[in-house]
Amino acid sequence: MGEGFGKRITIGLLEMSFMHLGLEHCQAWSVEYNTRAHRALESCGFRKGGVVRNTVFVAGKKWGSFHFDILQEEYMNVRMSLLKKVLGDGLEDYLKRMGPNLKPAN
């Protein structure tokens, strides 16, 4: 447990969303009690935007849903730092495979 898979997956999805699909904005929802997901999202630059109360019923209890979002420009501000943490020595190879155009797709 706690091996950072959630963060790696989140960064991969952000790379696809912003660098390949050219999206301007990404959103995520998480159940109130899933604090590990909240930490993973926030460590990737997502911001908690709000809570919708009593939206999920789990094990006899009602829980709220947390909404998170990130803008393309916010991701681009933290992108290299996140990629370095996740890819380590593989960062240079990844950037080479991305090609000369490292700008988000539009």
Protein backbone atom coordinates (compact mmCIF):
# COMPACT_ATOMS: atom_id res chain seq x y z
CA MET A 1 0.00 0.00 0.00
CA GLY A 2 1.06 3.59 -0.47
CA GLU A 3 3.19 2.91 -3.55
CA GLY A 4 2.05 5.98 -5.47
CA PHE A 5 0.06 4.18 -8.16
CA GLY A 6 -2.79 6.69 -7.87
CA LYS A 7 -0.42 9.58 -8.46
CA ARG A 8 1.22 7.83 -11.42
CA ILE A 9 -2.12 7.07 -13.02
CA THR A 10 -3.32 10.63 -12.43
CA ILE A 11 -0.21 12.10 -14.07
CA GLY A 12 -0.62 9.72 -17.02
CA LEU A 13 -4.22 10.81 -17.47
CA LEU A 14 -3.25 14.48 -17.23
CA GLU A 15 -0.52 13.96 -19.84
CA MET A 16 -3.03 12.38 -22.21
CA SER A 17 -5.69 14.99 -21.49
CA PHE A 18 -3.53 18.07 -21.88
CA MET A 19 -0.65 17.02 -24.13
CA HIS A 20 -2.44 14.70 -26.55
CA LEU A 21 -6.11 15.67 -26.48
CA GLY A 22 -5.64 19.39 -25.92
CA LEU A 23 -8.20 19.67 -23.14
CA GLU A 24 -8.30 22.92 -21.19
CA HIS A 25 -9.73 21.57 -17.95
CA CYS A 26 -9.92 18.24 -16.08
CA GLN A 27 -12.25 17.26 -13.26
CA ALA A 28 -12.30 14.47 -10.70
CA TRP A 29 -14.77 13.35 -8.07
CA SER A 30 -14.00 11.38 -4.95
CA VAL A 31 -16.02 10.03 -2.07
CA GLU A 32 -15.49 12.01 1.13
CA TYR A 33 -13.70 9.22 3.03
CA ASN A 34 -11.13 8.49 0.29
CA THR A 35 -8.36 10.68 1.68
CA ARG A 36 -5.65 8.82 -0.26
CA ALA A 37 -7.32 9.82 -3.53
CA HIS A 38 -7.62 13.40 -2.31
CA ARG A 39 -3.89 13.54 -1.50
CA ALA A 40 -2.99 12.03 -4.89
CA LEU A 41 -5.13 14.54 -6.77
CA GLU A 42 -3.87 17.52 -4.79
CA SER A 43 -0.24 16.40 -5.16
CA CYS A 44 -0.78 16.51 -8.95
CA GLY A 45 -2.07 20.08 -8.86
CA PHE A 46 -5.81 19.52 -8.56
CA ARG A 47 -7.74 21.91 -6.33
CA LYS A 48 -10.74 20.94 -4.27
CA GLY A 49 -13.63 22.94 -5.66
CA GLY A 50 -16.49 21.85 -3.47
CA VAL A 51 -18.52 19.21 -1.71
CA VAL A 52 -21.86 17.73 -2.65
CA ARG A 53 -23.39 16.38 0.52
CA ASN A 54 -24.97 12.94 0.96
CA THR A 55 -24.41 11.75 -2.60
CA VAL A 56 -23.04 8.26 -1.91
CA PHE A 57 -24.46 5.49 0.25
CA VAL A 58 -21.79 3.02 1.41
CA ALA A 59 -22.09 0.40 4.16
CA GLY A 60 -25.18 1.99 5.64
CA LYS A 61 -23.80 5.52 5.75
CA LYS A 62 -24.28 8.56 3.55
CA TRP A 63 -21.12 10.30 2.35
CA GLY A 64 -20.42 13.45 0.44
CA SER A 65 -18.56 13.72 -2.85
CA PHE A 66 -15.59 16.03 -3.28
CA HIS A 67 -15.07 17.79 -6.58
CA PHE A 68 -11.53 18.54 -7.78
CA ASP A 69 -10.35 20.29 -10.92
CA ILE A 70 -7.21 21.51 -12.66
CA LEU A 71 -6.66 23.85 -15.58
CA GLN A 72 -4.19 23.12 -18.34
CA GLU A 73 -2.05 26.13 -17.39
CA GLU A 74 -1.95 24.96 -13.75
CA TYR A 75 -0.76 21.53 -14.82
CA MET A 76 1.87 23.00 -17.10
CA ASN A 77 3.28 24.97 -14.13
CA VAL A 78 3.95 21.75 -12.18
CA ARG A 79 4.38 19.29 -15.06
CA MET A 80 8.16 18.93 -15.13
CA SER A 81 8.38 18.56 -11.37
CA LEU A 82 5.71 15.83 -11.37
CA LEU A 83 7.24 13.98 -14.31
CA LYS A 84 10.68 14.05 -12.66
CA LYS A 85 9.27 12.56 -9.45
CA VAL A 86 7.41 9.80 -11.27
CA LEU A 87 9.82 9.00 -14.12
CA GLY A 88 13.16 9.77 -12.46
CA ASP A 89 15.94 8.77 -14.85
CA GLY A 90 13.36 7.94 -17.53
CA LEU A 91 12.33 11.58 -17.92
CA GLU A 92 14.76 12.38 -20.74
CA ASP A 93 13.66 9.34 -22.72
CA TYR A 94 10.01 10.27 -22.25
CA LEU A 95 10.61 13.84 -23.42
CA LYS A 96 12.47 12.56 -26.50
CA ARG A 97 9.56 10.26 -27.36
CA MET A 98 7.15 13.18 -26.97
CA GLY A 99 8.94 14.87 -29.86
CA PRO A 100 10.14 18.41 -30.37
CA ASN A 101 6.71 19.95 -29.78
CA LEU A 102 6.27 19.84 -26.01
CA LYS A 103 3.38 22.29 -26.05
CA PRO A 104 -0.11 21.07 -25.20
CA ALA A 105 -2.08 19.85 -28.19
CA ASN A 106 -4.76 22.23 -29.45
